[in-house]
Structures are given as structure tokens and as C-alpha cells.
Amino acid sequence: MSNATATAEEGATDGAVSNYGQRVSAAEDADDLVVEQDRRRTGRWRGIVAVALFAGAVGVLAARPFLLLATVPVAAFAAYPRLTGSPKPTLAVERTVDDDTPDRGADVEVTVRITNTGRWPLSDVRFVDGVPPMLAVRDGSPRHATFLWPGSTTEFSYTVGAEYGRHQFDPVTAMLRDVSGGTELEATVESDPATVLTCTDAVPEVPLRKQSRHSTGRLVTDDGGAGIEFHRTREYQKGDPMSRIDWKRYAKTGELTTVEFREERAATIVLLIDARQSAYRASAEGEPHGMAYNLAGAEQLLTALGETRDYVGLAAIGRQFCWLAAGVGIEHEVTARELLATHPVLSTVPPDEEPPDPDEQAAELRKRLSGDAQVILLSPLGDEYITSLALTLEANGHPVTVVSPNVSSDASVGARLASVDRENRVSSLRQAEIPVIDWTPDQPLGTSIVDVMEVEQ
């Protein structure tokens, strides 16, 4: 459940009238918060005013008083938005879901309750709930229109289908018009705490490649030392631990030998998210785009890596550069999740244009990557640039694994050509010995990872 309170304009003086209804109380609203995004004239009365002026002129010239009088109501409505005080609606939103951890494909009912906590009636208000882009509305509608008296509450519900990932609802958008319909105000109502729907599928194992920092972890190396998997035996050296002496061999031969195991070291992994314009392509209109799957995949990988001792960082390239240095622990994981949910470059809304110079962001990424860091790149592989970046990182000594959600389709000739281009990029990466998890979104990411690991074995 989440609650939020917000208002949509600066205060009015005592006794003022709101454009959105007659004022109920003359008291000051000193504690209101501004959430207005856009105010505009609708032009609703523009044509009628022209007709009224023409009729008034005819009435004057033809000495017809009734024509002149008929223009008075129209002129009053047209002048109403300009003569009255500034609007100040205040809204409180409560959003609930009947199951915040559903199974994939399950129906989840979302209920939104909106209360007019201000002092003006809202004569024409329309709401659009912020449905996460990966959740399709199956029943009902996230849109609602109503009239709200002060203190009254309206409620509407709709049903979404659960998909894998962690889905945070966006704020409610409110569109308000005054009584005359001449002025329209667009505002958002933030939710605090945010409403989050989590549909997780356990990733059994994150595919890592051999390169790690010298601290104990789960990545098996070719170096001998402390560990679990047997590596070799060697001649005893002074100072070797007693627990690693091969006592059975000593009993048979009288020779002191030391057993070495394959060392397990902590890996340093950076989850790199492709958030450029090409990542926002979808298989069809209304379907989740590649960026939505990138974020869902990053959430699942972050959960899986959080259960290990590995050091995990986060980066993204897109409308701006995003970076979180590799770390470990619960607090670091919480910080990473907050970054996934709030950083502008990780928005589910497509950018208007490509960043001016993605090479600058790529150079910054290479500068910040530690020498032993490996990269898990999440990208639908929508163009050649991201393929070139993966090859460059690999050549610079940073092992790369690509997780690529397949959002291609065969709905048109252009779509089929784009699908072939993507297949060629996957092939070129694999030829360069870069593992590619070809993730078909209709199956869990964990299943796709297991399929690739079984083929490689």
C-alpha cells in the first residue's frame, strides 16, 4: 500500500475562488506542496467567443438588444478562467495490490483510492495511474474521470498480468479543468512509499568467467591453495598447515606431502545496462521494450549475486552516464536497487535522441573498471555500437558476458531484417568467445542461462 499527498499551485488569498470550483474555506493552505507540471489554455471557448463578438456587433449595428444580451453568458464563461484566482487542488492517493509477490502470468488487482483533501470541489478531474511498462492491463482501466467534493474519495480498480522482474508503479497523473473548461492543469501525485510488484524467478547461477580478486569467494581458479576442489599434491614446505598434509601417503611412504585445492576467489562483476535509444525497441506496439527487460534482468542478477561474496557494481550508458562502484553487502545491494529505480538514464520512458557522444561514456566506463572486473552486458543488441563496445571491453582484459533479451519479431520486412542483423551480432560475439545468453522473454532468465551453460559444458 502506498499513500501520497500533493497539490498543484501556489496559495490563494482569503476568500479567493479556485478555477476548479468555488472555494469552501477562506483559511490559508500554507503547508501545501507544488506538484504542477503544466498549465495550458484549452482554447475551448475561442470559436464561441468569436461568434459572440460577431453577434454582439450585429446587435449593436442592427439595434437588436436581445442579440447583445445573448453574448453576456458566453463572455462570462470565457472571462471566468482569467478573472478568478489560481487553482490549488490537493489530492491524496492510496494504491493497493492484492498480491505484491505473484507468480508469472497471475492476475493482480490494483485498487487506487484518491481523496480530495483540498478546499475546492474538483469539477472535472481525470486520473491516469502509472502502470509499469512491462505489466499489461488485462481487465478494467487505469484511467478514471470524476467530480470530487472536498473530503470525498473516488476509487477505481484494474487488473494487470504479472511478469518477471521488480516493477515499481509511477506516480498518478492528474488532469484537472476548471468549471468553464478553459484552463487545464497537469500534475503528478507521488507515492511514498512506492508501490512495488515483485515477480521473481530464481537465477540458479550467474555465469562468471575466470578472473577474480584475491579474496575468498565462489569463483574456482587454476591456482592452488585453500578451497574445496582437489588441485594437486606437492612436496611439504615449512609452514604448511598440518590439516593439508597427506597423512595417508606419509603412512605408506614416509614422505611428507601437502595437498592443494583449487582456490575460490571473489569475483568483481559490473552489470552494464544498455540504455541508449536502440534499447527501447519492442517486438510490437504495446509490448514491453528491450530496456524494460534489461532492468528486469538486472534486478534478477542483482538478487542472485547478492547471495554470494562477489563484488557487484552497476553502470549504464544512455542519455547520461551512470556508475556505482563494485561493493558487497546488504546496504550496497539496497543502494543498487534504488539506483535502478530512480536514476534518469534507467527510465522506462525512451529518450528523445541519442546522447551526443556515447564514446565519452564508454571511455569513462573503461577508466572506472578495475583491472580484475568482468562485465555482464544487458542489451537487446539493437545496433553495431553495443557489439563493438563488448568486443573492446573484452580486448582490454575485461571478460564480457552478454544477456540479450530478444525483442525482435517477423511482423514486417523491416522487422525481419532487424532480427537477422541481431542474429549476426550474436554470432560475431560468440565467434569472439564472448558468451551470449539469448533470452527469450517468454521464458525465465534462469532457464535461458541454464540452457547456455549446458551447451557450453
Protein backbone atom coordinates (compact mmCIF):
# COMPACT_ATOMS: atom_id res chain seq x y z
CA MET A 1 0.00 0.00 0.00
CA SER A 2 1.24 3.49 -0.69
CA ASN A 3 -0.02 6.95 0.17
CA ALA A 4 0.83 10.31 -1.31
CA THR A 5 -0.39 13.86 -0.91
CA ALA A 6 0.24 16.61 -3.43
CA THR A 7 -1.11 19.94 -4.61
CA ALA A 8 -0.99 21.79 -7.84
CA GLU A 9 -0.32 25.50 -7.47
CA GLU A 10 0.68 28.28 -5.12
CA GLY A 11 -1.69 29.57 -2.44
CA ALA A 12 -4.55 32.00 -2.95
CA THR A 13 -5.61 34.79 -0.67
CA ASP A 14 -8.53 34.57 1.76
CA GLY A 15 -11.87 34.50 0.03
CA ALA A 16 -10.36 33.71 -3.39
CA VAL A 17 -12.15 31.45 -5.82
CA SER A 18 -10.41 28.49 -7.46
CA ASN A 19 -10.60 27.91 -11.19
CA TYR A 20 -11.56 24.33 -10.32
CA GLY A 21 -14.65 25.15 -8.24
CA GLN A 22 -15.98 27.52 -5.58
CA ARG A 23 -13.75 27.85 -2.54
CA VAL A 24 -15.15 26.15 0.56
CA SER A 25 -12.93 27.65 3.24
CA ALA A 26 -11.19 31.02 3.48
CA ALA A 27 -8.30 29.66 5.60
CA GLU A 28 -4.76 29.69 4.27
CA ASP A 29 -3.21 26.47 2.88
CA ALA A 30 0.33 27.21 3.98
CA ASP A 31 1.52 23.59 4.12
CA ASP A 32 0.62 22.60 0.55
CA LEU A 33 3.27 21.27 -1.86
CA VAL A 34 3.57 22.20 -5.53
CA VAL A 35 3.38 19.30 -7.99
CA GLU A 36 2.13 21.16 -11.06
CA GLN A 37 3.82 20.10 -14.27
CA ASP A 38 2.00 22.02 -16.96
CA ARG A 39 -0.79 24.60 -17.20
CA ARG A 40 -2.34 25.44 -20.54
CA ARG A 41 -5.33 27.13 -22.14
CA THR A 42 -7.57 24.63 -23.87
CA GLY A 43 -8.99 27.10 -26.40
CA ARG A 44 -12.41 25.61 -25.73
CA TRP A 45 -14.24 28.97 -25.93
CA ARG A 46 -12.19 30.54 -28.71
CA GLY A 47 -14.66 29.89 -31.52
CA ILE A 48 -17.71 30.66 -29.38
CA VAL A 49 -16.20 33.97 -28.27
CA ALA A 50 -15.67 34.92 -31.91
CA VAL A 51 -19.31 34.11 -32.66
CA ALA A 52 -20.43 36.06 -29.58
CA LEU A 53 -18.42 39.12 -30.61
CA PHE A 54 -19.87 38.93 -34.10
CA ALA A 55 -23.41 38.59 -32.71
CA GLY A 56 -22.77 41.50 -30.35
CA ALA A 57 -21.55 43.68 -33.18
CA VAL A 58 -24.61 42.78 -35.26
CA GLY A 59 -26.84 43.56 -32.26
CA VAL A 60 -25.29 46.99 -31.87
CA LEU A 61 -25.40 47.86 -35.57
CA ALA A 62 -28.90 46.47 -36.08
CA ALA A 63 -30.21 47.86 -32.78
CA ARG A 64 -31.18 44.37 -31.55
CA PRO A 65 -30.73 44.37 -27.74
CA PHE A 66 -31.57 40.64 -27.39
CA LEU A 67 -28.55 39.72 -29.56
CA LEU A 68 -26.32 41.84 -27.37
CA LEU A 69 -27.71 40.29 -24.18
CA ALA A 70 -27.25 36.75 -25.57
CA THR A 71 -23.49 37.29 -25.70
CA VAL A 72 -23.19 38.06 -21.97
CA PRO A 73 -23.22 34.42 -20.63
CA VAL A 74 -20.70 33.32 -23.23
CA ALA A 75 -18.40 36.25 -22.45
CA ALA A 76 -18.71 35.49 -18.72
CA PHE A 77 -17.62 31.87 -19.20
CA ALA A 78 -14.77 32.90 -21.45
CA ALA A 79 -13.53 35.51 -18.96
CA TYR A 80 -14.02 33.26 -15.92
CA PRO A 81 -10.61 31.50 -16.01
CA ARG A 82 -8.77 34.83 -16.39
CA LEU A 83 -10.61 36.73 -13.68
CA THR A 84 -10.58 34.16 -10.86
CA GLY A 85 -7.73 33.17 -8.57
CA SER A 86 -5.12 30.48 -9.13
CA PRO A 87 -6.26 26.87 -8.62
CA LYS A 88 -4.91 24.86 -5.73
CA PRO A 89 -6.24 21.29 -5.76
CA THR A 90 -4.81 18.90 -3.17
CA LEU A 91 -5.02 15.14 -3.60
CA ALA A 92 -4.15 12.06 -1.54
CA VAL A 93 -3.56 8.74 -3.30
CA GLU A 94 -3.69 5.26 -1.81
CA ARG A 95 -2.75 2.38 -4.10
CA THR A 96 -3.01 -1.29 -3.10
CA VAL A 97 -2.32 -4.58 -4.88
CA ASP A 98 -3.92 -7.84 -3.82
CA ASP A 99 -0.61 -9.71 -4.20
CA ASP A 100 2.77 -7.97 -4.33
CA THR A 101 4.75 -11.20 -4.97
CA PRO A 102 2.72 -13.03 -7.63
CA ASP A 103 3.71 -15.87 -9.93
CA ARG A 104 4.38 -15.03 -13.56
CA GLY A 105 1.16 -14.79 -15.56
CA ALA A 106 -1.04 -14.36 -12.47
CA ASP A 107 -3.74 -11.67 -12.43
CA VAL A 108 -3.04 -8.90 -9.93
CA GLU A 109 -5.80 -6.48 -9.00
CA VAL A 110 -4.69 -2.89 -8.44
CA THR A 111 -7.00 -0.59 -6.49
CA VAL A 112 -6.48 3.18 -6.43
CA ARG A 113 -8.26 5.45 -3.96
CA ILE A 114 -8.00 9.21 -4.50
CA THR A 115 -9.23 11.75 -1.95
CA ASN A 116 -9.73 15.47 -2.47
CA THR A 117 -8.04 16.80 0.68
CA GLY A 118 -8.23 20.41 -0.51
CA ARG A 119 -10.87 23.07 -0.03
CA TRP A 120 -12.23 23.30 -3.55
CA PRO A 121 -14.54 20.96 -5.42
CA LEU A 122 -12.86 19.48 -8.47
CA SER A 123 -15.46 19.75 -11.19
CA ASP A 124 -13.58 17.91 -13.95
CA VAL A 125 -10.63 15.72 -12.94
CA ARG A 126 -9.15 12.78 -14.81
CA PHE A 127 -6.56 10.35 -13.48
CA VAL A 128 -4.11 8.00 -15.18
CA ASP A 129 -2.30 5.55 -12.93
CA GLY A 130 1.40 4.93 -13.57
CA VAL A 131 1.36 1.31 -14.71
CA PRO A 132 4.88 -0.17 -15.08
CA PRO A 133 5.73 -0.68 -18.77
CA MET A 134 6.16 -4.47 -18.51
CA LEU A 135 2.75 -5.05 -16.92
CA ALA A 136 -0.11 -5.35 -19.39
CA VAL A 137 -3.58 -4.29 -18.28
CA ARG A 138 -5.87 -7.29 -18.69
CA ASP A 139 -9.12 -6.01 -17.26
CA GLY A 140 -10.52 -2.64 -16.31
CA SER A 141 -8.70 0.61 -16.99
CA PRO A 142 -6.02 2.65 -15.20
CA ARG A 143 -7.89 5.78 -16.35
CA HIS A 144 -10.65 7.39 -14.33
CA ALA A 145 -12.72 10.59 -14.57
CA THR A 146 -14.90 12.04 -11.84
CA PHE A 147 -16.13 15.03 -9.82
CA LEU A 148 -14.74 15.37 -6.30
CA TRP A 149 -16.17 17.41 -3.45
CA PRO A 150 -13.74 18.41 -0.67
CA GLY A 151 -13.13 15.41 1.57
CA SER A 152 -14.71 12.94 -0.85
CA THR A 153 -12.96 9.87 -2.24
CA THR A 154 -13.17 8.08 -5.56
CA GLU A 155 -11.94 4.56 -6.23
CA PHE A 156 -11.17 2.55 -9.34
CA SER A 157 -9.59 -0.84 -10.00
CA TYR A 158 -7.94 -2.69 -12.85
CA THR A 159 -6.06 -5.95 -13.33
CA VAL A 160 -2.53 -6.45 -14.64
CA GLY A 161 -0.67 -9.60 -15.65
CA ALA A 162 2.46 -10.36 -13.64
CA GLU A 163 5.77 -10.57 -15.48
CA TYR A 164 9.24 -11.45 -14.22
CA GLY A 165 11.09 -8.62 -12.53
CA ARG A 166 10.63 -5.90 -9.96
CA HIS A 167 8.03 -3.39 -11.14
CA GLN A 168 7.65 -0.01 -9.47
CA PHE A 169 4.49 1.96 -10.23
CA ASP A 170 4.94 5.51 -11.48
CA PRO A 171 3.08 8.45 -9.90
CA VAL A 172 -0.58 9.07 -10.72
CA THR A 173 -1.06 11.75 -13.37
CA ALA A 174 -3.98 14.11 -12.74
CA MET A 175 -5.57 16.27 -15.44
CA LEU A 176 -7.79 18.99 -13.97
CA ARG A 177 -10.02 21.53 -15.71
CA ASP A 178 -11.89 24.49 -14.29
CA VAL A 179 -15.66 24.81 -14.50
CA SER A 180 -15.52 26.61 -17.82
CA GLY A 181 -13.06 24.10 -19.30
CA GLY A 182 -10.86 26.97 -20.45
CA THR A 183 -7.80 26.08 -18.35
CA GLU A 184 -6.24 22.67 -17.94
CA LEU A 185 -3.69 21.68 -15.31
CA GLU A 186 -1.50 18.57 -15.44
CA ALA A 187 0.04 17.37 -12.17
CA THR A 188 1.55 14.24 -10.68
CA VAL A 189 0.94 12.70 -7.29
CA GLU A 190 3.97 10.86 -5.95
CA SER A 191 3.62 7.67 -3.95
CA ASP A 192 5.55 7.31 -0.71
CA PRO A 193 6.39 4.52 -0.17
CA ALA A 194 6.33 3.42 -3.77
CA THR A 195 4.08 0.56 -4.85
CA VAL A 196 6.26 -2.32 -6.00
CA LEU A 197 5.23 -5.61 -7.60
CA THR A 198 7.91 -8.32 -7.47
CA CYS A 199 7.70 -11.42 -9.63
CA THR A 200 10.98 -13.23 -9.21
CA ASP A 201 12.38 -16.30 -10.84
CA ALA A 202 15.47 -17.62 -9.14
CA VAL A 203 18.55 -17.41 -11.32
CA PRO A 204 20.31 -20.66 -10.34
CA GLU A 205 23.81 -19.42 -11.11
CA VAL A 206 25.22 -16.29 -12.69
CA PRO A 207 27.68 -17.29 -15.44
CA LEU A 208 31.10 -15.94 -14.45
CA ARG A 209 34.39 -16.16 -16.28
CA LYS A 210 37.82 -16.81 -14.84
CA GLN A 211 39.17 -13.57 -13.44
CA SER A 212 38.86 -12.55 -9.82
CA ARG A 213 40.22 -10.53 -6.95
CA HIS A 214 42.40 -12.28 -4.36
CA SER A 215 39.79 -12.77 -1.65
CA THR A 216 37.80 -15.86 -0.75
CA GLY A 217 34.69 -16.41 -2.84
CA ARG A 218 32.95 -18.87 -5.15
CA LEU A 219 34.90 -18.50 -8.40
CA VAL A 220 37.14 -21.53 -8.91
CA THR A 221 40.59 -20.65 -10.27
CA ASP A 222 43.52 -22.63 -11.64
CA ASP A 223 45.71 -21.56 -8.72
CA GLY A 224 46.44 -23.95 -5.89
CA GLY A 225 45.69 -23.11 -2.29
CA ALA A 226 42.78 -23.32 0.13
CA GLY A 227 39.49 -24.47 -1.34
CA ILE A 228 37.25 -27.47 -1.91
CA GLU A 229 38.14 -28.99 -5.30
CA PHE A 230 41.37 -31.04 -5.39
CA HIS A 231 44.17 -29.46 -7.45
CA ARG A 232 47.46 -31.34 -6.83
CA THR A 233 49.96 -32.57 -4.23
CA ARG A 234 53.43 -31.13 -3.78
CA GLU A 235 56.45 -31.53 -1.52
CA TYR A 236 55.90 -30.35 2.03
CA GLN A 237 57.27 -26.89 2.81
CA LYS A 238 57.96 -25.49 6.23
CA GLY A 239 54.92 -23.61 7.49
CA ASP A 240 52.30 -25.60 5.56
CA PRO A 241 49.18 -26.16 7.70
CA MET A 242 49.00 -29.56 9.40
CA SER A 243 45.45 -30.04 8.11
CA ARG A 244 46.67 -30.10 4.49
CA ILE A 245 49.38 -32.74 4.95
CA ASP A 246 48.59 -36.00 3.15
CA TRP A 247 48.84 -38.27 6.21
CA LYS A 248 47.76 -41.42 4.31
CA ARG A 249 50.65 -41.04 1.89
CA TYR A 250 53.01 -40.35 4.82
CA ALA A 251 51.88 -43.57 6.50
CA LYS A 252 52.59 -45.57 3.32
CA THR A 253 55.82 -43.94 2.09
CA GLY A 254 57.14 -41.84 4.96
CA GLU A 255 57.18 -38.77 2.67
CA LEU A 256 55.60 -35.50 3.75
CA THR A 257 53.42 -34.01 1.00
CA THR A 258 50.95 -31.15 1.02
CA VAL A 259 47.54 -31.26 -0.66
CA GLU A 260 46.49 -28.17 -2.65
CA PHE A 261 42.95 -27.36 -3.70
CA ARG A 262 41.70 -25.02 -6.39
CA GLU A 263 41.34 -21.61 -4.79
CA GLU A 264 37.94 -19.97 -4.77
CA ARG A 265 38.08 -16.22 -5.07
CA ALA A 266 35.54 -13.44 -5.06
CA ALA A 267 34.71 -12.05 -8.49
CA THR A 268 34.21 -8.40 -9.38
CA ILE A 269 31.20 -8.01 -11.66
CA VAL A 270 29.77 -4.85 -13.20
CA LEU A 271 26.23 -5.05 -14.57
CA LEU A 272 26.32 -2.78 -17.62
CA ILE A 273 22.90 -1.71 -18.93
CA ASP A 274 22.45 -0.51 -22.50
CA ALA A 275 20.02 2.42 -22.06
CA ARG A 276 20.52 4.06 -25.45
CA GLN A 277 17.64 4.78 -27.80
CA SER A 278 18.04 1.49 -29.69
CA ALA A 279 17.39 -0.44 -26.44
CA TYR A 280 13.82 0.88 -26.31
CA ARG A 281 12.62 -1.09 -29.32
CA ALA A 282 9.78 -3.56 -28.78
CA SER A 283 8.52 -6.59 -30.67
CA ALA A 284 5.15 -4.89 -31.19
CA GLU A 285 3.24 -1.81 -30.13
CA GLY A 286 2.08 -2.15 -26.54
CA GLU A 287 4.66 -4.85 -25.74
CA PRO A 288 7.50 -4.26 -23.23
CA HIS A 289 10.60 -2.83 -24.88
CA GLY A 290 14.15 -4.07 -24.57
CA MET A 291 15.04 -1.57 -21.84
CA ALA A 292 12.25 -2.89 -19.62
CA TYR A 293 13.72 -6.38 -19.96
CA ASN A 294 17.22 -5.01 -19.31
CA LEU A 295 16.02 -3.64 -15.98
CA ALA A 296 14.15 -6.83 -15.09
CA GLY A 297 17.23 -8.90 -15.90
CA ALA A 298 19.48 -6.61 -13.84
CA GLU A 299 17.12 -6.99 -10.87
CA GLN A 300 17.26 -10.79 -11.08
CA LEU A 301 21.03 -10.90 -11.50
CA LEU A 302 21.46 -8.49 -8.60
CA THR A 303 19.36 -10.79 -6.41
CA ALA A 304 21.40 -13.85 -7.39
CA LEU A 305 24.75 -12.09 -6.91
CA GLY A 306 23.59 -10.68 -3.57
CA GLU A 307 23.62 -14.21 -2.18
CA THR A 308 27.35 -14.58 -2.92
CA ARG A 309 30.53 -12.90 -1.72
CA ASP A 310 31.13 -11.37 -5.12
CA TYR A 311 31.67 -7.64 -5.53
CA VAL A 312 28.93 -6.18 -7.73
CA GLY A 313 28.81 -2.80 -9.46
CA LEU A 314 26.30 -1.12 -11.74
CA ALA A 315 26.75 1.02 -14.84
CA ALA A 316 24.62 2.32 -17.70
CA ILE A 317 25.20 4.28 -20.88
CA GLY A 318 22.46 6.32 -22.48
CA ARG A 319 21.20 9.86 -22.15
CA GLN A 320 23.84 10.21 -19.41
CA PHE A 321 26.41 8.01 -17.69
CA CYS A 322 25.51 6.04 -14.57
CA TRP A 323 28.04 4.39 -12.26
CA LEU A 324 28.01 2.56 -8.94
CA ALA A 325 31.36 1.15 -7.84
CA ALA A 326 31.51 -2.56 -7.07
CA GLY A 327 30.70 -3.46 -3.48
CA VAL A 328 29.26 -6.20 -1.34
CA GLY A 329 26.68 -6.46 1.43
CA ILE A 330 23.02 -5.69 2.07
CA GLU A 331 23.45 -1.91 2.16
CA HIS A 332 25.25 -1.95 -1.17
CA GLU A 333 22.51 -4.09 -2.72
CA VAL A 334 19.84 -1.66 -1.46
CA THR A 335 21.77 1.25 -2.98
CA ALA A 336 21.98 -0.58 -6.32
CA ARG A 337 18.24 -1.26 -6.32
CA GLU A 338 17.47 2.38 -5.55
CA LEU A 339 19.69 3.41 -8.45
CA LEU A 340 17.87 1.02 -10.79
CA ALA A 341 14.54 2.51 -9.74
CA THR A 342 15.41 6.22 -9.72
CA HIS A 343 18.33 7.13 -11.98
CA PRO A 344 17.19 9.18 -15.02
CA VAL A 345 19.20 7.12 -17.51
CA LEU A 346 17.35 3.99 -16.34
CA SER A 347 13.92 5.45 -17.02
CA THR A 348 11.41 3.30 -18.89
CA VAL A 349 10.50 6.36 -20.99
CA PRO A 350 12.54 6.40 -24.23
CA PRO A 351 14.98 9.29 -24.71
CA ASP A 352 14.17 11.91 -27.34
CA GLU A 353 17.51 11.43 -29.07
CA GLU A 354 20.80 9.60 -28.82
CA PRO A 355 23.44 11.01 -26.45
CA PRO A 356 25.77 13.42 -28.26
CA ASP A 357 28.87 11.26 -27.80
CA PRO A 358 28.47 7.70 -26.44
CA ASP A 359 32.23 7.21 -26.90
CA GLU A 360 32.82 9.59 -23.97
CA GLN A 361 30.65 7.41 -21.73
CA ALA A 362 32.42 4.27 -22.94
CA ALA A 363 35.80 5.86 -22.19
CA GLU A 364 34.59 6.82 -18.70
CA LEU A 365 33.42 3.25 -18.15
CA ARG A 366 36.79 1.80 -19.14
CA LYS A 367 38.56 4.27 -16.85
CA ARG A 368 36.46 3.24 -13.85
CA LEU A 369 36.57 -0.52 -14.34
CA SER A 370 39.09 -2.15 -12.03
CA GLY A 371 41.70 -4.40 -13.59
CA ASP A 372 40.03 -7.62 -12.45
CA ALA A 373 36.44 -6.59 -13.23
CA GLN A 374 34.32 -8.58 -15.62
CA VAL A 375 31.20 -7.20 -17.28
CA ILE A 376 27.72 -8.60 -17.70
CA LEU A 377 26.21 -6.54 -20.51
CA LEU A 378 22.41 -6.35 -20.72
CA SER A 379 21.34 -5.25 -24.18
CA PRO A 380 18.90 -6.30 -26.92
CA LEU A 381 21.85 -5.81 -29.33
CA GLY A 382 19.90 -3.35 -31.42
CA ASP A 383 22.88 -1.87 -33.28
CA GLU A 384 26.55 -2.36 -34.08
CA TYR A 385 27.80 0.13 -31.50
CA ILE A 386 26.99 -2.04 -28.48
CA THR A 387 28.60 -5.06 -30.17
CA SER A 388 31.75 -3.02 -30.78
CA LEU A 389 31.77 -1.92 -27.13
CA ALA A 390 31.57 -5.53 -25.92
CA LEU A 391 34.48 -6.52 -28.18
CA THR A 392 36.53 -3.53 -26.98
CA LEU A 393 35.99 -4.37 -23.30
CA GLU A 394 36.95 -7.99 -23.98
CA ALA A 395 40.11 -6.87 -25.79
CA ASN A 396 41.01 -4.60 -22.87
CA GLY A 397 41.09 -7.56 -20.49
CA HIS A 398 37.58 -7.34 -19.04
CA PRO A 399 35.76 -10.65 -19.68
CA VAL A 400 32.28 -9.92 -21.05
CA THR A 401 29.10 -11.96 -20.84
CA VAL A 402 26.08 -10.65 -22.76
CA VAL A 403 22.49 -11.11 -21.58
CA SER A 404 20.37 -10.15 -24.57
CA PRO A 405 16.56 -10.04 -24.39
CA ASN A 406 15.20 -10.97 -27.78
CA VAL A 407 12.53 -8.39 -28.65
CA SER A 408 12.75 -8.92 -32.39
CA SER A 409 9.77 -10.01 -34.49
CA ASP A 410 8.82 -11.06 -38.00
CA ALA A 411 5.78 -8.81 -38.32
CA SER A 412 7.20 -6.90 -41.29
CA VAL A 413 10.08 -6.97 -43.76
CA GLY A 414 11.94 -4.34 -41.74
CA ALA A 415 11.41 -6.30 -38.52
CA ARG A 416 12.72 -9.50 -40.14
CA LEU A 417 15.82 -7.69 -41.38
CA ALA A 418 16.41 -6.28 -37.88
CA SER A 419 16.07 -9.81 -36.48
CA VAL A 420 18.67 -11.13 -38.95
CA ASP A 421 21.03 -8.28 -38.03
CA ARG A 422 20.68 -9.17 -34.35
CA GLU A 423 21.40 -12.84 -35.06
CA ASN A 424 24.57 -11.79 -36.90
CA ARG A 425 25.68 -9.72 -33.89
CA VAL A 426 25.09 -12.66 -31.56
CA SER A 427 27.11 -14.86 -33.89
CA SER A 428 30.02 -12.40 -34.11
CA LEU A 429 30.20 -12.14 -30.32
CA ARG A 430 30.22 -15.91 -29.90
CA GLN A 431 32.93 -16.24 -32.54
CA ALA A 432 34.99 -13.87 -30.39
CA GLU A 433 34.39 -16.32 -27.49
CA ILE A 434 32.07 -13.92 -25.69
CA PRO A 435 29.18 -15.89 -24.12
CA VAL A 436 25.73 -14.63 -25.12
CA ILE A 437 22.59 -15.51 -23.15
CA ASP A 438 19.90 -15.25 -25.84
CA TRP A 439 16.98 -14.53 -23.53
CA THR A 440 13.55 -15.16 -24.99
CA PRO A 441 11.29 -13.08 -22.72
CA ASP A 442 8.51 -15.69 -22.65
CA GLN A 443 10.77 -17.96 -20.59
CA PRO A 444 12.58 -17.21 -17.30
CA LEU A 445 16.05 -15.71 -17.46
CA GLY A 446 17.31 -18.53 -15.24
CA THR A 447 16.18 -21.11 -17.80
CA SER A 448 17.98 -19.28 -20.60
CA ILE A 449 21.18 -19.18 -18.53
CA VAL A 450 20.97 -22.90 -17.73
CA ASP A 451 20.42 -23.74 -21.42
CA VAL A 452 23.57 -21.84 -22.44
CA MET A 453 25.65 -23.34 -19.63
CA GLU A 454 24.58 -26.88 -20.61
CA VAL A 455 25.58 -26.26 -24.23
CA GLU A 456 29.00 -24.93 -23.20
CA GLN A 457 29.62 -27.94 -20.98
